[in-house]
């Protein structure tokens, strides 16, 4: 827990008393006298998979050669996705 002169209380799940980052308890030793409580901001990371079992295949056809690439489920940034696709396609090219 940390505070500043304006009386703001900053709670960070990394400093939780127990629980997980999604469901935690936070406690502090001293009593806090307050008239009201308000939430100024919250930071929630995007943890939704952008590749899942419903959108994890890509197929490409060149002549008689069809390549189907199956991607692993998870969160992928564009650089990682391009690298994975490039590797999979190179490994499946028949010359």
PDB file of N, CA and C in Angstrom:
ATOM      1  N   UNK A   1       0.852  -1.175   0.000  1.00  0.00           N
ATOM      2  CA  UNK A   1       0.000   0.000   0.000  1.00  0.00           C
ATOM      3  C   UNK A   1       0.886   1.223   0.000  1.00  0.00           C
ATOM      4  N   UNK A   2       0.481   2.228  -0.734  1.00  0.00           N
ATOM      5  CA  UNK A   2       1.160   3.516  -0.673  1.00  0.00           C
ATOM      6  C   UNK A   2       0.118   4.613  -0.771  1.00  0.00           C
ATOM      7  N   UNK A   3       0.419   5.746  -0.189  1.00  0.00           N
ATOM      8  CA  UNK A   3      -0.477   6.888  -0.241  1.00  0.00           C
ATOM      9  C   UNK A   3       0.322   8.115  -0.642  1.00  0.00           C
ATOM     10  N   UNK A   4      -0.390   9.164  -0.997  1.00  0.00           N
ATOM     11  CA  UNK A   4       0.258  10.439  -1.255  1.00  0.00           C
ATOM     12  C   UNK A   4      -0.445  11.518  -0.447  1.00  0.00           C
ATOM     13  N   UNK A   5      -0.037  12.774  -0.619  1.00  0.00           N
ATOM     14  CA  UNK A   5      -0.584  13.858   0.190  1.00  0.00           C
ATOM     15  C   UNK A   5      -2.094  14.038   0.018  1.00  0.00           C
ATOM     16  N   UNK A   6      -2.631  13.692  -1.122  1.00  0.00           N
ATOM     17  CA  UNK A   6      -4.061  13.895  -1.348  1.00  0.00           C
ATOM     18  C   UNK A   6      -4.912  12.810  -0.700  1.00  0.00           C
ATOM     19  N   UNK A   7      -4.273  11.822  -0.101  1.00  0.00           N
ATOM     20  CA  UNK A   7      -5.017  10.764   0.555  1.00  0.00           C
ATOM     21  C   UNK A   7      -5.395   9.629  -0.371  1.00  0.00           C
ATOM     22  N   UNK A   8      -4.795   9.579  -1.547  1.00  0.00           N
ATOM     23  CA  UNK A   8      -5.091   8.476  -2.457  1.00  0.00           C
ATOM     24  C   UNK A   8      -4.403   7.204  -1.967  1.00  0.00           C
ATOM     25  N   UNK A   9      -5.066   6.112  -2.107  1.00  0.00           N
ATOM     26  CA  UNK A   9      -4.538   4.819  -1.714  1.00  0.00           C
ATOM     27  C   UNK A   9      -4.339   3.994  -2.980  1.00  0.00           C
ATOM     28  N   UNK A  10      -3.138   3.551  -3.213  1.00  0.00           N
ATOM     29  CA  UNK A  10      -2.828   2.751  -4.394  1.00  0.00           C
ATOM     30  C   UNK A  10      -2.741   1.286  -3.991  1.00  0.00           C
ATOM     31  N   UNK A  11      -3.560   0.457  -4.601  1.00  0.00           N
ATOM     32  CA  UNK A  11      -3.569  -0.976  -4.322  1.00  0.00           C
ATOM     33  C   UNK A  11      -3.108  -1.705  -5.569  1.00  0.00           C
ATOM     34  N   UNK A  12      -2.126  -2.569  -5.402  1.00  0.00           N
ATOM     35  CA  UNK A  12      -1.542  -3.318  -6.510  1.00  0.00           C
ATOM     36  C   UNK A  12      -1.665  -4.807  -6.194  1.00  0.00           C
ATOM     37  N   UNK A  13      -2.224  -5.589  -7.107  1.00  0.00           N
ATOM     38  CA  UNK A  13      -2.426  -7.019  -6.848  1.00  0.00           C
ATOM     39  C   UNK A  13      -1.109  -7.762  -6.633  1.00  0.00           C
ATOM     40  N   UNK A  14      -0.004  -7.188  -7.083  1.00  0.00           N
ATOM     41  CA  UNK A  14       1.298  -7.824  -6.839  1.00  0.00           C
ATOM     42  C   UNK A  14       1.660  -7.781  -5.358  1.00  0.00           C
ATOM     43  N   UNK A  15       1.030  -6.885  -4.601  1.00  0.00           N
ATOM     44  CA  UNK A  15       1.297  -6.770  -3.159  1.00  0.00           C
ATOM     45  C   UNK A  15       0.103  -7.268  -2.333  1.00  0.00           C
ATOM     46  N   UNK A  16      -0.619  -8.232  -2.869  1.00  0.00           N
ATOM     47  CA  UNK A  16      -1.809  -8.764  -2.213  1.00  0.00           C
ATOM     48  C   UNK A  16      -1.444  -9.547  -0.957  1.00  0.00           C
ATOM     49  N   UNK A  17      -2.402  -9.630  -0.030  1.00  0.00           N
ATOM     50  CA  UNK A  17      -2.230 -10.423   1.186  1.00  0.00           C
ATOM     51  C   UNK A  17      -2.359 -11.903   0.867  1.00  0.00           C
ATOM     52  N   UNK A  18      -3.359 -12.255   0.063  1.00  0.00           N
ATOM     53  CA  UNK A  18      -3.520 -13.635  -0.403  1.00  0.00           C
ATOM     54  C   UNK A  18      -4.403 -13.632  -1.644  1.00  0.00           C
ATOM     55  N   UNK A  19      -4.499 -14.785  -2.284  1.00  0.00           N
ATOM     56  CA  UNK A  19      -5.317 -14.921  -3.487  1.00  0.00           C
ATOM     57  C   UNK A  19      -4.473 -14.853  -4.745  1.00  0.00           C
ATOM     58  N   UNK A  20      -5.163 -14.702  -5.860  1.00  0.00           N
ATOM     59  CA  UNK A  20      -4.505 -14.622  -7.169  1.00  0.00           C
ATOM     60  C   UNK A  20      -4.550 -13.184  -7.668  1.00  0.00           C
ATOM     61  N   UNK A  21      -3.923 -12.932  -8.793  1.00  0.00           N
ATOM     62  CA  UNK A  21      -3.968 -11.578  -9.357  1.00  0.00           C
ATOM     63  C   UNK A  21      -5.370 -11.191  -9.779  1.00  0.00           C
ATOM     64  N   UNK A  22      -6.249 -12.169 -10.026  1.00  0.00           N
ATOM     65  CA  UNK A  22      -7.627 -11.891 -10.433  1.00  0.00           C
ATOM     66  C   UNK A  22      -8.608 -11.825  -9.273  1.00  0.00           C
ATOM     67  N   UNK A  23      -8.283 -12.451  -8.170  1.00  0.00           N
ATOM     68  CA  UNK A  23      -9.191 -12.528  -7.023  1.00  0.00           C
ATOM     69  C   UNK A  23      -8.335 -12.500  -5.763  1.00  0.00           C
ATOM     70  N   UNK A  24      -8.158 -11.324  -5.185  1.00  0.00           N
ATOM     71  CA  UNK A  24      -7.215 -11.203  -4.085  1.00  0.00           C
ATOM     72  C   UNK A  24      -7.774 -10.386  -2.929  1.00  0.00           C
ATOM     73  N   UNK A  25      -7.102 -10.515  -1.788  1.00  0.00           N
ATOM     74  CA  UNK A  25      -7.396  -9.732  -0.593  1.00  0.00           C
ATOM     75  C   UNK A  25      -6.194  -8.840  -0.323  1.00  0.00           C
ATOM     76  N   UNK A  26      -6.482  -7.600   0.008  1.00  0.00           N
ATOM     77  CA  UNK A  26      -5.437  -6.630   0.323  1.00  0.00           C
ATOM     78  C   UNK A  26      -5.738  -6.063   1.697  1.00  0.00           C
ATOM     79  N   UNK A  27      -4.769  -6.076   2.582  1.00  0.00           N
ATOM     80  CA  UNK A  27      -4.990  -5.505   3.914  1.00  0.00           C
ATOM     81  C   UNK A  27      -3.757  -4.716   4.332  1.00  0.00           C
ATOM     82  N   UNK A  28      -3.968  -3.827   5.293  1.00  0.00           N
ATOM     83  CA  UNK A  28      -2.865  -3.026   5.807  1.00  0.00           C
ATOM     84  C   UNK A  28      -2.993  -2.931   7.312  1.00  0.00           C
ATOM     85  N   UNK A  29      -1.896  -2.583   7.974  1.00  0.00           N
ATOM     86  CA  UNK A  29      -1.831  -2.630   9.427  1.00  0.00           C
ATOM     87  C   UNK A  29      -2.558  -1.464  10.098  1.00  0.00           C
ATOM     88  N   UNK A  30      -2.466  -0.270   9.558  1.00  0.00           N
ATOM     89  CA  UNK A  30      -3.031   0.902  10.228  1.00  0.00           C
ATOM     90  C   UNK A  30      -4.488   1.129   9.835  1.00  0.00           C
ATOM     91  N   UNK A  31      -5.234   1.767  10.736  1.00  0.00           N
ATOM     92  CA  UNK A  31      -6.611   2.150  10.447  1.00  0.00           C
ATOM     93  C   UNK A  31      -6.613   3.371   9.539  1.00  0.00           C
ATOM     94  N   UNK A  32      -7.599   3.445   8.679  1.00  0.00           N
ATOM     95  CA  UNK A  32      -7.727   4.585   7.778  1.00  0.00           C
ATOM     96  C   UNK A  32      -9.094   5.214   8.013  1.00  0.00           C
ATOM     97  N   UNK A  33      -9.105   6.490   8.366  1.00  0.00           N
ATOM     98  CA  UNK A  33     -10.343   7.224   8.586  1.00  0.00           C
ATOM     99  C   UNK A  33     -10.746   7.872   7.267  1.00  0.00           C
ATOM    100  N   UNK A  34     -11.895   7.512   6.729  1.00  0.00           N
ATOM    101  CA  UNK A  34     -12.301   8.075   5.443  1.00  0.00           C
ATOM    102  C   UNK A  34     -13.790   8.379   5.437  1.00  0.00           C
ATOM    103  N   UNK A  35     -14.149   9.377   4.639  1.00  0.00           N
ATOM    104  CA  UNK A  35     -15.549   9.762   4.497  1.00  0.00           C
ATOM    105  C   UNK A  35     -16.196   9.096   3.292  1.00  0.00           C
ATOM    106  N   UNK A  36     -15.407   8.817   2.281  1.00  0.00           N
ATOM    107  CA  UNK A  36     -15.954   8.240   1.044  1.00  0.00           C
ATOM    108  C   UNK A  36     -14.869   7.424   0.365  1.00  0.00           C
ATOM    109  N   UNK A  37     -15.324   6.536  -0.487  1.00  0.00           N
ATOM    110  CA  UNK A  37     -14.412   5.712  -1.273  1.00  0.00           C
ATOM    111  C   UNK A  37     -14.825   5.828  -2.729  1.00  0.00           C
ATOM    112  N   UNK A  38     -13.859   6.017  -3.603  1.00  0.00           N
ATOM    113  CA  UNK A  38     -14.140   6.085  -5.035  1.00  0.00           C
ATOM    114  C   UNK A  38     -13.027   5.403  -5.813  1.00  0.00           C
ATOM    115  N   UNK A  39     -13.341   4.953  -6.964  1.00  0.00           N
ATOM    116  CA  UNK A  39     -12.365   4.312  -7.835  1.00  0.00           C
ATOM    117  C   UNK A  39     -11.974   5.307  -8.909  1.00  0.00           C
ATOM    118  N   UNK A  40     -10.696   5.674  -8.935  1.00  0.00           N
ATOM    119  CA  UNK A  40     -10.221   6.633  -9.925  1.00  0.00           C
ATOM    120  C   UNK A  40      -9.828   5.956 -11.229  1.00  0.00           C
ATOM    121  N   UNK A  41      -9.177   4.812 -11.142  1.00  0.00           N
ATOM    122  CA  UNK A  41      -8.787   4.103 -12.360  1.00  0.00           C
ATOM    123  C   UNK A  41      -8.491   2.651 -12.031  1.00  0.00           C
ATOM    124  N   UNK A  42      -8.517   1.844 -13.057  1.00  0.00           N
ATOM    125  CA  UNK A  42      -8.185   0.431 -12.937  1.00  0.00           C
ATOM    126  C   UNK A  42      -7.463   0.022 -14.215  1.00  0.00           C
ATOM    127  N   UNK A  43      -6.488  -0.853 -14.088  1.00  0.00           N
ATOM    128  CA  UNK A  43      -5.759  -1.363 -15.236  1.00  0.00           C
ATOM    129  C   UNK A  43      -6.038  -2.854 -15.339  1.00  0.00           C
ATOM    130  N   UNK A  44      -6.650  -3.264 -16.441  1.00  0.00           N
ATOM    131  CA  UNK A  44      -6.945  -4.673 -16.682  1.00  0.00           C
ATOM    132  C   UNK A  44      -6.225  -5.108 -17.948  1.00  0.00           C
ATOM    133  N   UNK A  45      -5.322  -6.056 -17.841  1.00  0.00           N
ATOM    134  CA  UNK A  45      -4.625  -6.514 -19.045  1.00  0.00           C
ATOM    135  C   UNK A  45      -5.561  -7.304 -19.954  1.00  0.00           C
ATOM    136  N   UNK A  46      -5.293  -7.272 -21.246  1.00  0.00           N
ATOM    137  CA  UNK A  46      -6.066  -8.055 -22.202  1.00  0.00           C
ATOM    138  C   UNK A  46      -5.546  -9.483 -22.167  1.00  0.00           C
ATOM    139  N   UNK A  47      -6.320 -10.382 -21.603  1.00  0.00           N
ATOM    140  CA  UNK A  47      -5.882 -11.767 -21.497  1.00  0.00           C
ATOM    141  C   UNK A  47      -6.709 -12.715 -22.359  1.00  0.00           C
ATOM    142  N   UNK A  48      -7.504 -12.155 -23.237  1.00  0.00           N
ATOM    143  CA  UNK A  48      -8.304 -12.984 -24.132  1.00  0.00           C
ATOM    144  C   UNK A  48      -7.412 -13.527 -25.238  1.00  0.00           C
ATOM    145  N   UNK A  49      -7.528 -14.831 -25.491  1.00  0.00           N
ATOM    146  CA  UNK A  49      -6.752 -15.431 -26.576  1.00  0.00           C
ATOM    147  C   UNK A  49      -7.218 -14.870 -27.911  1.00  0.00           C
ATOM    148  N   UNK A  50      -6.271 -14.453 -28.749  1.00  0.00           N
ATOM    149  CA  UNK A  50      -6.657 -14.025 -30.082  1.00  0.00           C
ATOM    150  C   UNK A  50      -6.558 -15.179 -31.082  1.00  0.00           C
ATOM    151  N   UNK A  51      -5.955 -16.282 -30.683  1.00  0.00           N
ATOM    152  CA  UNK A  51      -5.963 -17.518 -31.472  1.00  0.00           C
ATOM    153  C   UNK A  51      -6.578 -18.593 -30.583  1.00  0.00           C
ATOM    154  N   UNK A  52      -7.641 -19.245 -31.059  1.00  0.00           N
ATOM    155  CA  UNK A  52      -8.281 -20.302 -30.280  1.00  0.00           C
ATOM    156  C   UNK A  52      -8.654 -21.446 -31.216  1.00  0.00           C
ATOM    157  N   UNK A  53      -9.340 -22.449 -30.706  1.00  0.00           N
ATOM    158  CA  UNK A  53      -9.672 -23.637 -31.506  1.00  0.00           C
ATOM    159  C   UNK A  53     -10.615 -23.342 -32.668  1.00  0.00           C
ATOM    160  N   UNK A  54     -11.231 -22.172 -32.691  1.00  0.00           N
ATOM    161  CA  UNK A  54     -12.166 -21.828 -33.769  1.00  0.00           C
ATOM    162  C   UNK A  54     -11.508 -21.047 -34.907  1.00  0.00           C
ATOM    163  N   UNK A  55     -10.314 -20.506 -34.677  1.00  0.00           N
ATOM    164  CA  UNK A  55      -9.658 -19.702 -35.717  1.00  0.00           C
ATOM    165  C   UNK A  55      -8.166 -19.990 -35.794  1.00  0.00           C
ATOM    166  N   UNK A  56      -7.772 -21.247 -35.594  1.00  0.00           N
ATOM    167  CA  UNK A  56      -6.350 -21.561 -35.517  1.00  0.00           C
ATOM    168  C   UNK A  56      -5.777 -22.248 -36.754  1.00  0.00           C
ATOM    169  N   UNK A  57      -6.512 -22.283 -37.850  1.00  0.00           N
ATOM    170  CA  UNK A  57      -5.962 -22.883 -39.069  1.00  0.00           C
ATOM    171  C   UNK A  57      -5.953 -21.881 -40.215  1.00  0.00           C
ATOM    172  N   UNK A  58      -4.899 -21.975 -41.001  1.00  0.00           N
ATOM    173  CA  UNK A  58      -4.752 -21.154 -42.204  1.00  0.00           C
ATOM    174  C   UNK A  58      -4.338 -22.102 -43.318  1.00  0.00           C
ATOM    175  N   UNK A  59      -5.006 -22.004 -44.456  1.00  0.00           N
ATOM    176  CA  UNK A  59      -4.616 -22.854 -45.574  1.00  0.00           C
ATOM    177  C   UNK A  59      -4.238 -21.986 -46.767  1.00  0.00           C
ATOM    178  N   UNK A  60      -3.280 -22.471 -47.501  1.00  0.00           N
ATOM    179  CA  UNK A  60      -2.851 -21.781 -48.713  1.00  0.00           C
ATOM    180  C   UNK A  60      -2.624 -22.829 -49.797  1.00  0.00           C
ATOM    181  N   UNK A  61      -2.968 -22.490 -51.019  1.00  0.00           N
ATOM    182  CA  UNK A  61      -2.821 -23.410 -52.139  1.00  0.00           C
ATOM    183  C   UNK A  61      -2.022 -22.737 -53.242  1.00  0.00           C
ATOM    184  N   UNK A  62      -1.025 -23.454 -53.728  1.00  0.00           N
ATOM    185  CA  UNK A  62      -0.241 -23.003 -54.877  1.00  0.00           C
ATOM    186  C   UNK A  62      -0.132 -24.188 -55.828  1.00  0.00           C
ATOM    187  N   UNK A  63      -0.781 -24.078 -56.961  1.00  0.00           N
ATOM    188  CA  UNK A  63      -0.841 -25.206 -57.881  1.00  0.00           C
ATOM    189  C   UNK A  63      -1.594 -26.356 -57.243  1.00  0.00           C
ATOM    190  N   UNK A  64      -0.966 -27.525 -57.192  1.00  0.00           N
ATOM    191  CA  UNK A  64      -1.595 -28.694 -56.581  1.00  0.00           C
ATOM    192  C   UNK A  64      -1.211 -28.844 -55.114  1.00  0.00           C
ATOM    193  N   UNK A  65      -0.379 -27.945 -54.622  1.00  0.00           N
ATOM    194  CA  UNK A  65       0.127 -28.052 -53.252  1.00  0.00           C
ATOM    195  C   UNK A  65      -0.703 -27.194 -52.295  1.00  0.00           C
ATOM    196  N   UNK A  66      -1.393 -27.843 -51.364  1.00  0.00           N
ATOM    197  CA  UNK A  66      -2.148 -27.134 -50.332  1.00  0.00           C
ATOM    198  C   UNK A  66      -1.460 -27.358 -48.996  1.00  0.00           C
ATOM    199  N   UNK A  67      -1.241 -26.276 -48.299  1.00  0.00           N
ATOM    200  CA  UNK A  67      -0.617 -26.339 -46.978  1.00  0.00           C
ATOM    201  C   UNK A  67      -1.633 -25.827 -45.962  1.00  0.00           C
ATOM    202  N   UNK A  68      -1.861 -26.607 -44.923  1.00  0.00           N
ATOM    203  CA  UNK A  68      -2.733 -26.183 -43.822  1.00  0.00           C
ATOM    204  C   UNK A  68      -1.852 -26.036 -42.589  1.00  0.00           C
ATOM    205  N   UNK A  69      -1.840 -24.836 -42.041  1.00  0.00           N
ATOM    206  CA  UNK A  69      -1.042 -24.537 -40.855  1.00  0.00           C
ATOM    207  C   UNK A  69      -1.997 -24.435 -39.670  1.00  0.00           C
ATOM    208  N   UNK A  70      -1.693 -25.178 -38.612  1.00  0.00           N
ATOM    209  CA  UNK A  70      -2.472 -25.102 -37.380  1.00  0.00           C
ATOM    210  C   UNK A  70      -1.638 -24.370 -36.340  1.00  0.00           C
ATOM    211  N   UNK A  71      -2.170 -23.276 -35.835  1.00  0.00           N
ATOM    212  CA  UNK A  71      -1.472 -22.463 -34.838  1.00  0.00           C
ATOM    213  C   UNK A  71      -1.889 -22.899 -33.443  1.00  0.00           C
ATOM    214  N   UNK A  72      -0.984 -22.756 -32.480  1.00  0.00           N
ATOM    215  CA  UNK A  72      -1.339 -23.081 -31.097  1.00  0.00           C
ATOM    216  C   UNK A  72      -2.183 -21.951 -30.524  1.00  0.00           C
ATOM    217  N   UNK A  73      -3.094 -22.313 -29.655  1.00  0.00           N
ATOM    218  CA  UNK A  73      -3.952 -21.319 -29.015  1.00  0.00           C
ATOM    219  C   UNK A  73      -3.118 -20.436 -28.104  1.00  0.00           C
ATOM    220  N   UNK A  74      -3.523 -19.189 -27.993  1.00  0.00           N
ATOM    221  CA  UNK A  74      -2.836 -18.269 -27.102  1.00  0.00           C
ATOM    222  C   UNK A  74      -2.925 -16.852 -27.611  1.00  0.00           C
ATOM    223  N   UNK A  75      -2.209 -15.987 -26.917  1.00  0.00           N
ATOM    224  CA  UNK A  75      -2.144 -14.582 -27.291  1.00  0.00           C
ATOM    225  C   UNK A  75      -0.905 -14.401 -28.149  1.00  0.00           C
ATOM    226  N   UNK A  76      -1.075 -13.856 -29.327  1.00  0.00           N
ATOM    227  CA  UNK A  76       0.035 -13.657 -30.247  1.00  0.00           C
ATOM    228  C   UNK A  76       0.102 -12.201 -30.676  1.00  0.00           C
ATOM    229  N   UNK A  77       1.299 -11.641 -30.657  1.00  0.00           N
ATOM    230  CA  UNK A  77       1.465 -10.322 -31.261  1.00  0.00           C
ATOM    231  C   UNK A  77       1.775 -10.533 -32.739  1.00  0.00           C
ATOM    232  N   UNK A  78       1.786  -9.478 -33.515  1.00  0.00           N
ATOM    233  CA  UNK A  78       1.937  -9.623 -34.963  1.00  0.00           C
ATOM    234  C   UNK A  78       3.291 -10.205 -35.339  1.00  0.00           C
ATOM    235  N   UNK A  79       4.348  -9.811 -34.633  1.00  0.00           N
ATOM    236  CA  UNK A  79       5.683 -10.329 -34.954  1.00  0.00           C
ATOM    237  C   UNK A  79       5.750 -11.834 -34.699  1.00  0.00           C
ATOM    238  N   UNK A  80       5.210 -12.288 -33.577  1.00  0.00           N
ATOM    239  CA  UNK A  80       5.208 -13.709 -33.269  1.00  0.00           C
ATOM    240  C   UNK A  80       4.352 -14.508 -34.233  1.00  0.00           C
ATOM    241  N   UNK A  81       3.210 -13.939 -34.601  1.00  0.00           N
ATOM    242  CA  UNK A  81       2.317 -14.616 -35.541  1.00  0.00           C
ATOM    243  C   UNK A  81       2.975 -14.763 -36.915  1.00  0.00           C
ATOM    244  N   UNK A  82       3.604 -13.704 -37.405  1.00  0.00           N
ATOM    245  CA  UNK A  82       4.290 -13.770 -38.700  1.00  0.00           C
ATOM    246  C   UNK A  82       5.444 -14.765 -38.673  1.00  0.00           C
ATOM    247  N   UNK A  83       6.177 -14.797 -37.586  1.00  0.00           N
ATOM    248  CA  UNK A  83       7.283 -15.742 -37.456  1.00  0.00           C
ATOM    249  C   UNK A  83       6.779 -17.182 -37.464  1.00  0.00           C
ATOM    250  N   UNK A  84       5.725 -17.450 -36.703  1.00  0.00           N
ATOM    251  CA  UNK A  84       5.140 -18.793 -36.650  1.00  0.00           C
ATOM    252  C   UNK A  84       4.621 -19.220 -38.010  1.00  0.00           C
ATOM    253  N   UNK A  85       3.906 -18.323 -38.686  1.00  0.00           N
ATOM    254  CA  UNK A  85       3.382 -18.641 -40.022  1.00  0.00           C
ATOM    255  C   UNK A  85       4.507 -18.892 -41.017  1.00  0.00           C
ATOM    256  N   UNK A  86       5.517 -18.026 -40.992  1.00  0.00           N
ATOM    257  CA  UNK A  86       6.647 -18.189 -41.910  1.00  0.00           C
ATOM    258  C   UNK A  86       7.334 -19.522 -41.729  1.00  0.00           C
ATOM    259  N   UNK A  87       7.605 -19.894 -40.496  1.00  0.00           N
ATOM    260  CA  UNK A  87       8.258 -21.170 -40.202  1.00  0.00           C
ATOM    261  C   UNK A  87       7.395 -22.344 -40.645  1.00  0.00           C
ATOM    262  N   UNK A  88       6.115 -22.298 -40.323  1.00  0.00           N
ATOM    263  CA  UNK A  88       5.217 -23.395 -40.691  1.00  0.00           C
ATOM    264  C   UNK A  88       5.105 -23.542 -42.203  1.00  0.00           C
ATOM    265  N   UNK A  89       5.004 -22.436 -42.906  1.00  0.00           N
ATOM    266  CA  UNK A  89       4.887 -22.501 -44.362  1.00  0.00           C
ATOM    267  C   UNK A  89       6.191 -22.988 -45.001  1.00  0.00           C
ATOM    268  N   UNK A  90       7.336 -22.525 -44.526  1.00  0.00           N
ATOM    269  CA  UNK A  90       8.617 -22.984 -45.068  1.00  0.00           C
ATOM    270  C   UNK A  90       8.798 -24.476 -44.840  1.00  0.00           C
ATOM    271  N   UNK A  91       8.373 -24.977 -43.669  1.00  0.00           N
ATOM    272  CA  UNK A  91       8.512 -26.387 -43.359  1.00  0.00           C
ATOM    273  C   UNK A  91       7.579 -27.287 -44.154  1.00  0.00           C
ATOM    274  N   UNK A  92       6.550 -26.720 -44.756  1.00  0.00           N
ATOM    275  CA  UNK A  92       5.565 -27.520 -45.497  1.00  0.00           C
ATOM    276  C   UNK A  92       5.616 -27.318 -47.010  1.00  0.00           C
ATOM    277  N   UNK A  93       6.570 -26.553 -47.494  1.00  0.00           N
ATOM    278  CA  UNK A  93       6.670 -26.302 -48.941  1.00  0.00           C
ATOM    279  C   UNK A  93       7.289 -27.518 -49.615  1.00  0.00           C
ATOM    280  N   UNK A  94       6.639 -27.971 -50.672  1.00  0.00           N
ATOM    281  CA  UNK A  94       7.151 -29.101 -51.465  1.00  0.00           C
ATOM    282  C   UNK A  94       7.680 -28.536 -52.761  1.00  0.00           C
ATOM    283  N   UNK A  95       8.936 -28.788 -53.036  1.00  0.00           N
ATOM    284  CA  UNK A  95       9.538 -28.231 -54.253  1.00  0.00           C
ATOM    285  C   UNK A  95       9.722 -29.284 -55.295  1.00  0.00           C
TER     286      UNK A  95
END
